[in-house]
């Protein structure tokens, strides 16, 4: 048998081969990790095909497709923490830039005050 899981709006990672032989006990398992990447009413589809030998040739028969509507809601905390975790270098760069800008501004003001105090003492 061959199994394929797909859907727009999902990152789907298969953890087993799409094509597997069904053992004598009649049980095989297909494992997937499914991560929604957007919210809304999304469609997840499972397509299954059977492969069999007929008169010395391989034949494949597609079985009816199973389609399900999945309502995905956003978890703001999870989304935010994973976004920051995946892009931490940009956040640190942005924070560093802000700190440098503030430091430069404060340093310039300090230097101007020091310079003005030095000039008023000499006058």
PDB file of N, CA and C in Angstrom:
ATOM      1  N   UNK A   1       0.836  -1.173   0.000  1.00  0.00           N
ATOM      2  CA  UNK A   1       0.000   0.000   0.000  1.00  0.00           C
ATOM      3  C   UNK A   1       0.880   1.235   0.000  1.00  0.00           C
ATOM      4  N   UNK A   2       0.288   2.310  -0.468  1.00  0.00           N
ATOM      5  CA  UNK A   2       0.970   3.603  -0.454  1.00  0.00           C
ATOM      6  C   UNK A   2       0.005   4.612   0.143  1.00  0.00           C
ATOM      7  N   UNK A   3       0.505   5.452   1.028  1.00  0.00           N
ATOM      8  CA  UNK A   3      -0.306   6.450   1.697  1.00  0.00           C
ATOM      9  C   UNK A   3       0.379   7.808   1.575  1.00  0.00           C
ATOM     10  N   UNK A   4      -0.423   8.849   1.338  1.00  0.00           N
ATOM     11  CA  UNK A   4       0.135  10.200   1.236  1.00  0.00           C
ATOM     12  C   UNK A   4      -0.829  11.164   1.909  1.00  0.00           C
ATOM     13  N   UNK A   5      -0.294  11.978   2.826  1.00  0.00           N
ATOM     14  CA  UNK A   5      -1.081  12.964   3.548  1.00  0.00           C
ATOM     15  C   UNK A   5      -0.624  14.344   3.099  1.00  0.00           C
ATOM     16  N   UNK A   6      -1.565  15.215   2.746  1.00  0.00           N
ATOM     17  CA  UNK A   6      -1.200  16.541   2.275  1.00  0.00           C
ATOM     18  C   UNK A   6      -2.318  17.536   2.552  1.00  0.00           C
ATOM     19  N   UNK A   7      -1.964  18.814   2.498  1.00  0.00           N
ATOM     20  CA  UNK A   7      -2.936  19.883   2.683  1.00  0.00           C
ATOM     21  C   UNK A   7      -2.261  21.236   2.678  1.00  0.00           C
ATOM     22  N   UNK A   8      -2.893  22.212   2.024  1.00  0.00           N
ATOM     23  CA  UNK A   8      -2.380  23.584   2.045  1.00  0.00           C
ATOM     24  C   UNK A   8      -2.543  24.141   3.449  1.00  0.00           C
ATOM     25  N   UNK A   9      -1.522  24.843   3.916  1.00  0.00           N
ATOM     26  CA  UNK A   9      -1.568  25.413   5.257  1.00  0.00           C
ATOM     27  C   UNK A   9      -0.984  24.522   6.330  1.00  0.00           C
ATOM     28  N   UNK A  10      -0.371  23.409   5.913  1.00  0.00           N
ATOM     29  CA  UNK A  10       0.238  22.487   6.871  1.00  0.00           C
ATOM     30  C   UNK A  10       1.672  22.170   6.451  1.00  0.00           C
ATOM     31  N   UNK A  11       2.556  22.040   7.425  1.00  0.00           N
ATOM     32  CA  UNK A  11       3.859  21.412   7.213  1.00  0.00           C
ATOM     33  C   UNK A  11       3.699  19.976   7.670  1.00  0.00           C
ATOM     34  N   UNK A  12       3.828  19.041   6.749  1.00  0.00           N
ATOM     35  CA  UNK A  12       3.617  17.629   7.057  1.00  0.00           C
ATOM     36  C   UNK A  12       4.926  16.885   6.845  1.00  0.00           C
ATOM     37  N   UNK A  13       5.387  16.228   7.904  1.00  0.00           N
ATOM     38  CA  UNK A  13       6.618  15.455   7.846  1.00  0.00           C
ATOM     39  C   UNK A  13       6.267  13.985   8.033  1.00  0.00           C
ATOM     40  N   UNK A  14       6.518  13.157   7.001  1.00  0.00           N
ATOM     41  CA  UNK A  14       6.261  11.724   7.179  1.00  0.00           C
ATOM     42  C   UNK A  14       7.398  11.087   7.973  1.00  0.00           C
ATOM     43  N   UNK A  15       7.034  10.200   8.897  1.00  0.00           N
ATOM     44  CA  UNK A  15       8.025   9.462   9.676  1.00  0.00           C
ATOM     45  C   UNK A  15       8.054   7.988   9.299  1.00  0.00           C
ATOM     46  N   UNK A  16       7.371   7.657   8.236  1.00  0.00           N
ATOM     47  CA  UNK A  16       7.396   6.287   7.733  1.00  0.00           C
ATOM     48  C   UNK A  16       7.364   6.369   6.211  1.00  0.00           C
ATOM     49  N   UNK A  17       7.726   5.282   5.562  1.00  0.00           N
ATOM     50  CA  UNK A  17       7.699   5.242   4.103  1.00  0.00           C
ATOM     51  C   UNK A  17       6.271   5.351   3.597  1.00  0.00           C
ATOM     52  N   UNK A  18       6.104   6.066   2.480  1.00  0.00           N
ATOM     53  CA  UNK A  18       4.770   6.155   1.879  1.00  0.00           C
ATOM     54  C   UNK A  18       4.293   4.781   1.415  1.00  0.00           C
ATOM     55  N   UNK A  19       5.213   3.999   0.855  1.00  0.00           N
ATOM     56  CA  UNK A  19       4.854   2.674   0.371  1.00  0.00           C
ATOM     57  C   UNK A  19       5.314   1.601   1.343  1.00  0.00           C
ATOM     58  N   UNK A  20       4.382   0.780   1.801  1.00  0.00           N
ATOM     59  CA  UNK A  20       4.706  -0.275   2.746  1.00  0.00           C
ATOM     60  C   UNK A  20       4.000  -1.566   2.348  1.00  0.00           C
ATOM     61  N   UNK A  21       4.638  -2.671   2.697  1.00  0.00           N
ATOM     62  CA  UNK A  21       4.020  -3.979   2.515  1.00  0.00           C
ATOM     63  C   UNK A  21       3.149  -4.261   3.741  1.00  0.00           C
ATOM     64  N   UNK A  22       1.953  -4.757   3.493  1.00  0.00           N
ATOM     65  CA  UNK A  22       1.070  -5.123   4.593  1.00  0.00           C
ATOM     66  C   UNK A  22       1.432  -6.540   5.032  1.00  0.00           C
ATOM     67  N   UNK A  23       1.848  -6.716   6.279  1.00  0.00           N
ATOM     68  CA  UNK A  23       2.236  -8.058   6.739  1.00  0.00           C
ATOM     69  C   UNK A  23       1.019  -8.975   6.871  1.00  0.00           C
ATOM     70  N   UNK A  24       1.292 -10.231   7.149  1.00  0.00           N
ATOM     71  CA  UNK A  24       0.225 -11.231   7.248  1.00  0.00           C
ATOM     72  C   UNK A  24      -0.829 -10.891   8.304  1.00  0.00           C
ATOM     73  N   UNK A  25      -0.422 -10.171   9.350  1.00  0.00           N
ATOM     74  CA  UNK A  25      -1.410  -9.818  10.375  1.00  0.00           C
ATOM     75  C   UNK A  25      -2.343  -8.697   9.906  1.00  0.00           C
ATOM     76  N   UNK A  26      -2.070  -8.144   8.703  1.00  0.00           N
ATOM     77  CA  UNK A  26      -2.962  -7.158   8.103  1.00  0.00           C
ATOM     78  C   UNK A  26      -2.864  -5.763   8.682  1.00  0.00           C
ATOM     79  N   UNK A  27      -1.730  -5.428   9.295  1.00  0.00           N
ATOM     80  CA  UNK A  27      -1.604  -4.125   9.943  1.00  0.00           C
ATOM     81  C   UNK A  27      -0.299  -3.447   9.556  1.00  0.00           C
ATOM     82  N   UNK A  28      -0.394  -2.221   9.075  1.00  0.00           N
ATOM     83  CA  UNK A  28       0.776  -1.375   8.822  1.00  0.00           C
ATOM     84  C   UNK A  28       0.434   0.010   9.363  1.00  0.00           C
ATOM     85  N   UNK A  29       1.456   0.772   9.652  1.00  0.00           N
ATOM     86  CA  UNK A  29       1.209   2.086  10.259  1.00  0.00           C
ATOM     87  C   UNK A  29       1.992   3.158   9.521  1.00  0.00           C
ATOM     88  N   UNK A  30       1.336   4.278   9.270  1.00  0.00           N
ATOM     89  CA  UNK A  30       1.964   5.442   8.662  1.00  0.00           C
ATOM     90  C   UNK A  30       1.952   6.554   9.708  1.00  0.00           C
ATOM     91  N   UNK A  31       3.120   7.122   9.969  1.00  0.00           N
ATOM     92  CA  UNK A  31       3.257   8.170  10.982  1.00  0.00           C
ATOM     93  C   UNK A  31       3.594   9.498  10.316  1.00  0.00           C
ATOM     94  N   UNK A  32       2.911  10.554  10.768  1.00  0.00           N
ATOM     95  CA  UNK A  32       3.144  11.899  10.249  1.00  0.00           C
ATOM     96  C   UNK A  32       3.191  12.888  11.406  1.00  0.00           C
ATOM     97  N   UNK A  33       4.010  13.912  11.243  1.00  0.00           N
ATOM     98  CA  UNK A  33       3.995  15.059  12.131  1.00  0.00           C
ATOM     99  C   UNK A  33       3.320  16.175  11.339  1.00  0.00           C
ATOM    100  N   UNK A  34       2.230  16.722  11.875  1.00  0.00           N
ATOM    101  CA  UNK A  34       1.446  17.723  11.168  1.00  0.00           C
ATOM    102  C   UNK A  34       1.475  19.018  11.958  1.00  0.00           C
ATOM    103  N   UNK A  35       1.956  20.088  11.325  1.00  0.00           N
ATOM    104  CA  UNK A  35       2.026  21.384  11.969  1.00  0.00           C
ATOM    105  C   UNK A  35       1.290  22.400  11.105  1.00  0.00           C
ATOM    106  N   UNK A  36       0.186  22.970  11.608  1.00  0.00           N
ATOM    107  CA  UNK A  36      -0.492  24.007  10.824  1.00  0.00           C
ATOM    108  C   UNK A  36       0.368  25.263  10.775  1.00  0.00           C
ATOM    109  N   UNK A  37       0.434  25.907   9.613  1.00  0.00           N
ATOM    110  CA  UNK A  37       1.242  27.112   9.468  1.00  0.00           C
ATOM    111  C   UNK A  37       0.385  28.352   9.249  1.00  0.00           C
ATOM    112  N   UNK A  38      -0.925  28.182   9.251  1.00  0.00           N
ATOM    113  CA  UNK A  38      -1.832  29.322   9.212  1.00  0.00           C
ATOM    114  C   UNK A  38      -3.135  28.907   9.879  1.00  0.00           C
ATOM    115  N   UNK A  39      -3.952  29.881  10.191  1.00  0.00           N
ATOM    116  CA  UNK A  39      -5.214  29.585  10.867  1.00  0.00           C
ATOM    117  C   UNK A  39      -6.354  29.606   9.858  1.00  0.00           C
ATOM    118  N   UNK A  40      -7.496  29.120  10.301  1.00  0.00           N
ATOM    119  CA  UNK A  40      -8.684  29.109   9.452  1.00  0.00           C
ATOM    120  C   UNK A  40      -9.212  27.704   9.265  1.00  0.00           C
ATOM    121  N   UNK A  41     -10.134  27.568   8.330  1.00  0.00           N
ATOM    122  CA  UNK A  41     -10.738  26.275   8.010  1.00  0.00           C
ATOM    123  C   UNK A  41      -9.896  25.632   6.903  1.00  0.00           C
ATOM    124  N   UNK A  42      -9.026  24.701   7.261  1.00  0.00           N
ATOM    125  CA  UNK A  42      -8.060  24.099   6.343  1.00  0.00           C
ATOM    126  C   UNK A  42      -8.474  22.679   5.986  1.00  0.00           C
ATOM    127  N   UNK A  43      -8.011  22.220   4.832  1.00  0.00           N
ATOM    128  CA  UNK A  43      -8.344  20.881   4.362  1.00  0.00           C
ATOM    129  C   UNK A  43      -7.120  19.980   4.454  1.00  0.00           C
ATOM    130  N   UNK A  44      -7.302  18.828   5.064  1.00  0.00           N
ATOM    131  CA  UNK A  44      -6.268  17.808   5.171  1.00  0.00           C
ATOM    132  C   UNK A  44      -6.759  16.588   4.405  1.00  0.00           C
ATOM    133  N   UNK A  45      -5.916  16.064   3.517  1.00  0.00           N
ATOM    134  CA  UNK A  45      -6.323  14.978   2.626  1.00  0.00           C
ATOM    135  C   UNK A  45      -5.396  13.785   2.761  1.00  0.00           C
ATOM    136  N   UNK A  46      -5.997  12.595   2.828  1.00  0.00           N
ATOM    137  CA  UNK A  46      -5.262  11.341   2.867  1.00  0.00           C
ATOM    138  C   UNK A  46      -5.592  10.554   1.598  1.00  0.00           C
ATOM    139  N   UNK A  47      -4.563  10.262   0.820  1.00  0.00           N
ATOM    140  CA  UNK A  47      -4.727   9.461  -0.394  1.00  0.00           C
ATOM    141  C   UNK A  47      -4.031   8.117  -0.186  1.00  0.00           C
ATOM    142  N   UNK A  48      -4.726   7.045  -0.514  1.00  0.00           N
ATOM    143  CA  UNK A  48      -4.206   5.693  -0.334  1.00  0.00           C
ATOM    144  C   UNK A  48      -4.341   4.937  -1.651  1.00  0.00           C
ATOM    145  N   UNK A  49      -3.322   4.162  -1.969  1.00  0.00           N
ATOM    146  CA  UNK A  49      -3.352   3.332  -3.171  1.00  0.00           C
ATOM    147  C   UNK A  49      -2.880   1.924  -2.810  1.00  0.00           C
ATOM    148  N   UNK A  50      -3.446   0.964  -3.509  1.00  0.00           N
ATOM    149  CA  UNK A  50      -3.063  -0.439  -3.321  1.00  0.00           C
ATOM    150  C   UNK A  50      -2.274  -0.887  -4.540  1.00  0.00           C
ATOM    151  N   UNK A  51      -1.159  -1.560  -4.298  1.00  0.00           N
ATOM    152  CA  UNK A  51      -0.346  -2.119  -5.379  1.00  0.00           C
ATOM    153  C   UNK A  51      -0.456  -3.635  -5.310  1.00  0.00           C
ATOM    154  N   UNK A  52      -0.725  -4.243  -6.426  1.00  0.00           N
ATOM    155  CA  UNK A  52      -0.826  -5.704  -6.464  1.00  0.00           C
ATOM    156  C   UNK A  52      -0.312  -6.210  -7.806  1.00  0.00           C
ATOM    157  N   UNK A  53       0.038  -7.486  -7.838  1.00  0.00           N
ATOM    158  CA  UNK A  53       0.539  -8.109  -9.064  1.00  0.00           C
ATOM    159  C   UNK A  53      -0.619  -8.813  -9.754  1.00  0.00           C
ATOM    160  N   UNK A  54      -0.687  -8.599 -11.058  1.00  0.00           N
ATOM    161  CA  UNK A  54      -1.729  -9.227 -11.849  1.00  0.00           C
ATOM    162  C   UNK A  54      -1.096  -9.681 -13.165  1.00  0.00           C
ATOM    163  N   UNK A  55      -1.070 -10.952 -13.399  1.00  0.00           N
ATOM    164  CA  UNK A  55      -0.487 -11.521 -14.619  1.00  0.00           C
ATOM    165  C   UNK A  55       0.939 -11.040 -14.851  1.00  0.00           C
ATOM    166  N   UNK A  56       1.729 -11.017 -13.765  1.00  0.00           N
ATOM    167  CA  UNK A  56       3.140 -10.677 -13.898  1.00  0.00           C
ATOM    168  C   UNK A  56       3.426  -9.185 -13.951  1.00  0.00           C
ATOM    169  N   UNK A  57       2.426  -8.313 -13.883  1.00  0.00           N
ATOM    170  CA  UNK A  57       2.686  -6.876 -13.907  1.00  0.00           C
ATOM    171  C   UNK A  57       2.169  -6.237 -12.614  1.00  0.00           C
ATOM    172  N   UNK A  58       2.801  -5.127 -12.246  1.00  0.00           N
ATOM    173  CA  UNK A  58       2.355  -4.387 -11.064  1.00  0.00           C
ATOM    174  C   UNK A  58       1.185  -3.490 -11.446  1.00  0.00           C
ATOM    175  N   UNK A  59       0.139  -3.564 -10.678  1.00  0.00           N
ATOM    176  CA  UNK A  59      -1.033  -2.711 -10.881  1.00  0.00           C
ATOM    177  C   UNK A  59      -1.240  -1.866  -9.633  1.00  0.00           C
ATOM    178  N   UNK A  60      -1.711  -0.656  -9.815  1.00  0.00           N
ATOM    179  CA  UNK A  60      -1.986   0.241  -8.703  1.00  0.00           C
ATOM    180  C   UNK A  60      -3.427   0.713  -8.812  1.00  0.00           C
ATOM    181  N   UNK A  61      -4.134   0.622  -7.708  1.00  0.00           N
ATOM    182  CA  UNK A  61      -5.508   1.103  -7.652  1.00  0.00           C
ATOM    183  C   UNK A  61      -5.600   2.165  -6.567  1.00  0.00           C
ATOM    184  N   UNK A  62      -6.048   3.358  -6.937  1.00  0.00           N
ATOM    185  CA  UNK A  62      -6.257   4.415  -5.959  1.00  0.00           C
ATOM    186  C   UNK A  62      -7.593   4.197  -5.263  1.00  0.00           C
ATOM    187  N   UNK A  63      -7.561   4.282  -3.947  1.00  0.00           N
ATOM    188  CA  UNK A  63      -8.786   4.164  -3.161  1.00  0.00           C
ATOM    189  C   UNK A  63      -9.413   5.551  -3.019  1.00  0.00           C
ATOM    190  N   UNK A  64     -10.674   5.607  -2.636  1.00  0.00           N
ATOM    191  CA  UNK A  64     -11.297   6.928  -2.451  1.00  0.00           C
ATOM    192  C   UNK A  64     -10.503   7.768  -1.455  1.00  0.00           C
ATOM    193  N   UNK A  65     -10.361   9.037  -1.769  1.00  0.00           N
ATOM    194  CA  UNK A  65      -9.595   9.975  -0.951  1.00  0.00           C
ATOM    195  C   UNK A  65     -10.416  10.362   0.275  1.00  0.00           C
ATOM    196  N   UNK A  66      -9.733  10.439   1.401  1.00  0.00           N
ATOM    197  CA  UNK A  66     -10.371  10.877   2.639  1.00  0.00           C
ATOM    198  C   UNK A  66      -9.974  12.335   2.874  1.00  0.00           C
ATOM    199  N   UNK A  67     -10.950  13.237   2.926  1.00  0.00           N
ATOM    200  CA  UNK A  67     -10.699  14.654   3.113  1.00  0.00           C
ATOM    201  C   UNK A  67     -11.435  15.131   4.357  1.00  0.00           C
ATOM    202  N   UNK A  68     -10.746  15.887   5.186  1.00  0.00           N
ATOM    203  CA  UNK A  68     -11.350  16.431   6.396  1.00  0.00           C
ATOM    204  C   UNK A  68     -11.058  17.921   6.490  1.00  0.00           C
ATOM    205  N   UNK A  69     -12.059  18.662   6.937  1.00  0.00           N
ATOM    206  CA  UNK A  69     -11.881  20.078   7.230  1.00  0.00           C
ATOM    207  C   UNK A  69     -11.398  20.196   8.673  1.00  0.00           C
ATOM    208  N   UNK A  70     -10.324  20.950   8.865  1.00  0.00           N
ATOM    209  CA  UNK A  70      -9.729  21.132  10.183  1.00  0.00           C
ATOM    210  C   UNK A  70      -9.800  22.623  10.517  1.00  0.00           C
ATOM    211  N   UNK A  71     -10.442  22.956  11.632  1.00  0.00           N
ATOM    212  CA  UNK A  71     -10.487  24.352  12.076  1.00  0.00           C
ATOM    213  C   UNK A  71      -9.250  24.615  12.925  1.00  0.00           C
ATOM    214  N   UNK A  72      -8.386  25.505  12.435  1.00  0.00           N
ATOM    215  CA  UNK A  72      -7.135  25.813  13.121  1.00  0.00           C
ATOM    216  C   UNK A  72      -7.248  27.208  13.724  1.00  0.00           C
ATOM    217  N   UNK A  73      -7.035  27.291  15.034  1.00  0.00           N
ATOM    218  CA  UNK A  73      -7.045  28.570  15.723  1.00  0.00           C
ATOM    219  C   UNK A  73      -5.619  28.892  16.164  1.00  0.00           C
ATOM    220  N   UNK A  74      -5.305  30.170  16.173  1.00  0.00           N
ATOM    221  CA  UNK A  74      -3.953  30.614  16.488  1.00  0.00           C
ATOM    222  C   UNK A  74      -3.751  30.647  18.002  1.00  0.00           C
ATOM    223  N   UNK A  75      -2.643  30.072  18.448  1.00  0.00           N
ATOM    224  CA  UNK A  75      -2.198  30.193  19.826  1.00  0.00           C
ATOM    225  C   UNK A  75      -1.121  31.277  19.802  1.00  0.00           C
ATOM    226  N   UNK A  76      -1.492  32.476  20.209  1.00  0.00           N
ATOM    227  CA  UNK A  76      -0.594  33.645  20.085  1.00  0.00           C
ATOM    228  C   UNK A  76       0.727  33.444  20.839  1.00  0.00           C
ATOM    229  N   UNK A  77       0.661  32.888  22.043  1.00  0.00           N
ATOM    230  CA  UNK A  77       1.888  32.702  22.827  1.00  0.00           C
ATOM    231  C   UNK A  77       2.840  31.744  22.117  1.00  0.00           C
ATOM    232  N   UNK A  78       2.338  30.583  21.647  1.00  0.00           N
ATOM    233  CA  UNK A  78       3.170  29.603  20.957  1.00  0.00           C
ATOM    234  C   UNK A  78       3.759  30.216  19.683  1.00  0.00           C
ATOM    235  N   UNK A  79       2.931  30.915  18.918  1.00  0.00           N
ATOM    236  CA  UNK A  79       3.388  31.528  17.671  1.00  0.00           C
ATOM    237  C   UNK A  79       4.488  32.538  17.937  1.00  0.00           C
ATOM    238  N   UNK A  80       4.288  33.389  18.933  1.00  0.00           N
ATOM    239  CA  UNK A  80       5.278  34.427  19.245  1.00  0.00           C
ATOM    240  C   UNK A  80       6.590  33.825  19.719  1.00  0.00           C
ATOM    241  N   UNK A  81       6.517  32.871  20.649  1.00  0.00           N
ATOM    242  CA  UNK A  81       7.761  32.296  21.180  1.00  0.00           C
ATOM    243  C   UNK A  81       8.521  31.522  20.109  1.00  0.00           C
ATOM    244  N   UNK A  82       7.810  30.814  19.248  1.00  0.00           N
ATOM    245  CA  UNK A  82       8.503  30.087  18.183  1.00  0.00           C
ATOM    246  C   UNK A  82       9.064  31.030  17.128  1.00  0.00           C
ATOM    247  N   UNK A  83       8.367  32.115  16.849  1.00  0.00           N
ATOM    248  CA  UNK A  83       8.886  33.093  15.888  1.00  0.00           C
ATOM    249  C   UNK A  83      10.169  33.716  16.414  1.00  0.00           C
ATOM    250  N   UNK A  84      10.155  34.109  17.688  1.00  0.00           N
ATOM    251  CA  UNK A  84      11.355  34.701  18.284  1.00  0.00           C
ATOM    252  C   UNK A  84      12.474  33.665  18.351  1.00  0.00           C
ATOM    253  N   UNK A  85      12.135  32.431  18.739  1.00  0.00           N
ATOM    254  CA  UNK A  85      13.147  31.376  18.812  1.00  0.00           C
ATOM    255  C   UNK A  85      13.783  31.077  17.461  1.00  0.00           C
ATOM    256  N   UNK A  86      12.986  31.148  16.401  1.00  0.00           N
ATOM    257  CA  UNK A  86      13.509  30.874  15.060  1.00  0.00           C
ATOM    258  C   UNK A  86      14.267  32.063  14.479  1.00  0.00           C
ATOM    259  N   UNK A  87      14.055  33.259  15.029  1.00  0.00           N
ATOM    260  CA  UNK A  87      14.652  34.476  14.465  1.00  0.00           C
ATOM    261  C   UNK A  87      15.387  35.290  15.527  1.00  0.00           C
ATOM    262  N   UNK A  88      15.945  34.627  16.533  1.00  0.00           N
ATOM    263  CA  UNK A  88      16.563  35.323  17.654  1.00  0.00           C
ATOM    264  C   UNK A  88      17.690  36.249  17.223  1.00  0.00           C
ATOM    265  N   UNK A  89      18.444  35.884  16.206  1.00  0.00           N
ATOM    266  CA  UNK A  89      19.586  36.703  15.795  1.00  0.00           C
ATOM    267  C   UNK A  89      19.138  38.074  15.294  1.00  0.00           C
ATOM    268  N   UNK A  90      17.960  38.136  14.667  1.00  0.00           N
ATOM    269  CA  UNK A  90      17.453  39.421  14.184  1.00  0.00           C
ATOM    270  C   UNK A  90      16.979  40.284  15.350  1.00  0.00           C
ATOM    271  N   UNK A  91      16.373  39.642  16.362  1.00  0.00           N
ATOM    272  CA  UNK A  91      15.937  40.388  17.533  1.00  0.00           C
ATOM    273  C   UNK A  91      17.133  40.956  18.288  1.00  0.00           C
ATOM    274  N   UNK A  92      18.180  40.128  18.455  1.00  0.00           N
ATOM    275  CA  UNK A  92      19.372  40.628  19.137  1.00  0.00           C
ATOM    276  C   UNK A  92      20.028  41.748  18.347  1.00  0.00           C
ATOM    277  N   UNK A  93      20.061  41.605  17.028  1.00  0.00           N
ATOM    278  CA  UNK A  93      20.605  42.668  16.184  1.00  0.00           C
ATOM    279  C   UNK A  93      19.800  43.940  16.298  1.00  0.00           C
ATOM    280  N   UNK A  94      18.479  43.806  16.325  1.00  0.00           N
ATOM    281  CA  UNK A  94      17.614  44.981  16.468  1.00  0.00           C
ATOM    282  C   UNK A  94      17.774  45.636  17.816  1.00  0.00           C
ATOM    283  N   UNK A  95      17.832  44.827  18.876  1.00  0.00           N
ATOM    284  CA  UNK A  95      18.016  45.370  20.222  1.00  0.00           C
ATOM    285  C   UNK A  95      19.380  46.046  20.335  1.00  0.00           C
ATOM    286  N   UNK A  96      20.408  45.409  19.753  1.00  0.00           N
ATOM    287  CA  UNK A  96      21.749  46.000  19.769  1.00  0.00           C
ATOM    288  C   UNK A  96      21.778  47.343  19.055  1.00  0.00           C
ATOM    289  N   UNK A  97      21.071  47.439  17.945  1.00  0.00           N
ATOM    290  CA  UNK A  97      21.022  48.699  17.195  1.00  0.00           C
ATOM    291  C   UNK A  97      20.349  49.782  18.012  1.00  0.00           C
ATOM    292  N   UNK A  98      19.243  49.434  18.670  1.00  0.00           N
ATOM    293  CA  UNK A  98      18.535  50.406  19.511  1.00  0.00           C
ATOM    294  C   UNK A  98      19.424  50.867  20.658  1.00  0.00           C
ATOM    295  N   UNK A  99      20.121  49.927  21.302  1.00  0.00           N
ATOM    296  CA  UNK A  99      21.007  50.287  22.423  1.00  0.00           C
ATOM    297  C   UNK A  99      22.130  51.203  21.939  1.00  0.00           C
ATOM    298  N   UNK A 100      22.716  50.894  20.785  1.00  0.00           N
ATOM    299  CA  UNK A 100      23.769  51.757  20.238  1.00  0.00           C
ATOM    300  C   UNK A 100      23.243  53.147  19.903  1.00  0.00           C
ATOM    301  N   UNK A 101      22.047  53.211  19.334  1.00  0.00           N
ATOM    302  CA  UNK A 101      21.469  54.514  18.986  1.00  0.00           C
ATOM    303  C   UNK A 101      21.216  55.345  20.249  1.00  0.00           C
ATOM    304  N   UNK A 102      20.633  54.708  21.281  1.00  0.00           N
ATOM    305  CA  UNK A 102      20.379  55.425  22.529  1.00  0.00           C
ATOM    306  C   UNK A 102      21.694  55.836  23.181  1.00  0.00           C
ATOM    307  N   UNK A 103      22.675  54.918  23.194  1.00  0.00           N
ATOM    308  CA  UNK A 103      23.985  55.236  23.753  1.00  0.00           C
ATOM    309  C   UNK A 103      24.654  56.380  23.010  1.00  0.00           C
ATOM    310  N   UNK A 104      24.544  56.372  21.682  1.00  0.00           N
ATOM    311  CA  UNK A 104      25.123  57.457  20.900  1.00  0.00           C
ATOM    312  C   UNK A 104      24.457  58.793  21.200  1.00  0.00           C
ATOM    313  N   UNK A 105      23.127  58.777  21.301  1.00  0.00           N
ATOM    314  CA  UNK A 105      22.388  60.002  21.596  1.00  0.00           C
ATOM    315  C   UNK A 105      22.754  60.534  22.982  1.00  0.00           C
ATOM    316  N   UNK A 106      22.744  59.656  23.985  1.00  0.00           N
ATOM    317  CA  UNK A 106      23.081  60.082  25.343  1.00  0.00           C
ATOM    318  C   UNK A 106      24.547  60.519  25.433  1.00  0.00           C
ATOM    319  N   UNK A 107      25.418  59.799  24.739  1.00  0.00           N
ATOM    320  CA  UNK A 107      26.832  60.189  24.736  1.00  0.00           C
ATOM    321  C   UNK A 107      27.048  61.559  24.106  1.00  0.00           C
ATOM    322  N   UNK A 108      26.338  61.833  23.042  1.00  0.00           N
ATOM    323  CA  UNK A 108      26.458  63.138  22.374  1.00  0.00           C
ATOM    324  C   UNK A 108      25.959  64.244  23.299  1.00  0.00           C
ATOM    325  N   UNK A 109      24.825  64.009  23.959  1.00  0.00           N
ATOM    326  CA  UNK A 109      24.297  65.028  24.887  1.00  0.00           C
ATOM    327  C   UNK A 109      25.269  65.252  26.038  1.00  0.00           C
ATOM    328  N   UNK A 110      25.839  64.160  26.583  1.00  0.00           N
ATOM    329  CA  UNK A 110      26.793  64.281  27.683  1.00  0.00           C
ATOM    330  C   UNK A 110      28.019  65.079  27.234  1.00  0.00           C
ATOM    331  N   UNK A 111      28.501  64.764  26.044  1.00  0.00           N
ATOM    332  CA  UNK A 111      29.688  65.433  25.513  1.00  0.00           C
ATOM    333  C   UNK A 111      29.414  66.922  25.289  1.00  0.00           C
ATOM    334  N   UNK A 112      28.199  67.251  24.766  1.00  0.00           N
ATOM    335  CA  UNK A 112      27.838  68.657  24.543  1.00  0.00           C
ATOM    336  C   UNK A 112      27.745  69.402  25.868  1.00  0.00           C
ATOM    337  N   UNK A 113      27.137  68.777  26.889  1.00  0.00           N
ATOM    338  CA  UNK A 113      27.050  69.425  28.203  1.00  0.00           C
ATOM    339  C   UNK A 113      28.433  69.638  28.798  1.00  0.00           C
ATOM    340  N   UNK A 114      29.275  68.629  28.685  1.00  0.00           N
ATOM    341  CA  UNK A 114      30.632  68.735  29.207  1.00  0.00           C
ATOM    342  C   UNK A 114      31.375  69.852  28.484  1.00  0.00           C
ATOM    343  N   UNK A 115      31.201  69.886  27.160  1.00  0.00           N
ATOM    344  CA  UNK A 115      31.875  70.914  26.353  1.00  0.00           C
ATOM    345  C   UNK A 115      31.342  72.299  26.709  1.00  0.00           C
ATOM    346  N   UNK A 116      30.009  72.429  26.909  1.00  0.00           N
ATOM    347  CA  UNK A 116      29.423  73.729  27.280  1.00  0.00           C
ATOM    348  C   UNK A 116      29.875  74.149  28.669  1.00  0.00           C
ATOM    349  N   UNK A 117      29.955  73.227  29.619  1.00  0.00           N
ATOM    350  CA  UNK A 117      30.439  73.553  30.960  1.00  0.00           C
ATOM    351  C   UNK A 117      31.903  73.958  30.915  1.00  0.00           C
ATOM    352  N   UNK A 118      32.706  73.334  30.084  1.00  0.00           N
ATOM    353  CA  UNK A 118      34.131  73.659  29.971  1.00  0.00           C
ATOM    354  C   UNK A 118      34.294  75.064  29.387  1.00  0.00           C
ATOM    355  N   UNK A 119      33.490  75.426  28.369  1.00  0.00           N
ATOM    356  CA  UNK A 119      33.566  76.747  27.745  1.00  0.00           C
ATOM    357  C   UNK A 119      33.094  77.836  28.700  1.00  0.00           C
ATOM    358  N   UNK A 120      32.041  77.574  29.508  1.00  0.00           N
ATOM    359  CA  UNK A 120      31.542  78.600  30.430  1.00  0.00           C
ATOM    360  C   UNK A 120      32.507  78.821  31.590  1.00  0.00           C
ATOM    361  N   UNK A 121      33.281  77.806  31.969  1.00  0.00           N
ATOM    362  CA  UNK A 121      34.289  77.963  33.032  1.00  0.00           C
ATOM    363  C   UNK A 121      35.456  78.800  32.533  1.00  0.00           C
ATOM    364  N   UNK A 122      35.803  78.692  31.249  1.00  0.00           N
ATOM    365  CA  UNK A 122      36.929  79.416  30.686  1.00  0.00           C
ATOM    366  C   UNK A 122      36.554  80.862  30.348  1.00  0.00           C
ATOM    367  N   UNK A 123      35.278  81.179  30.344  1.00  0.00           N
ATOM    368  CA  UNK A 123      34.880  82.540  29.981  1.00  0.00           C
ATOM    369  C   UNK A 123      34.918  83.503  31.134  1.00  0.00           C
TER     370      UNK A 123
END
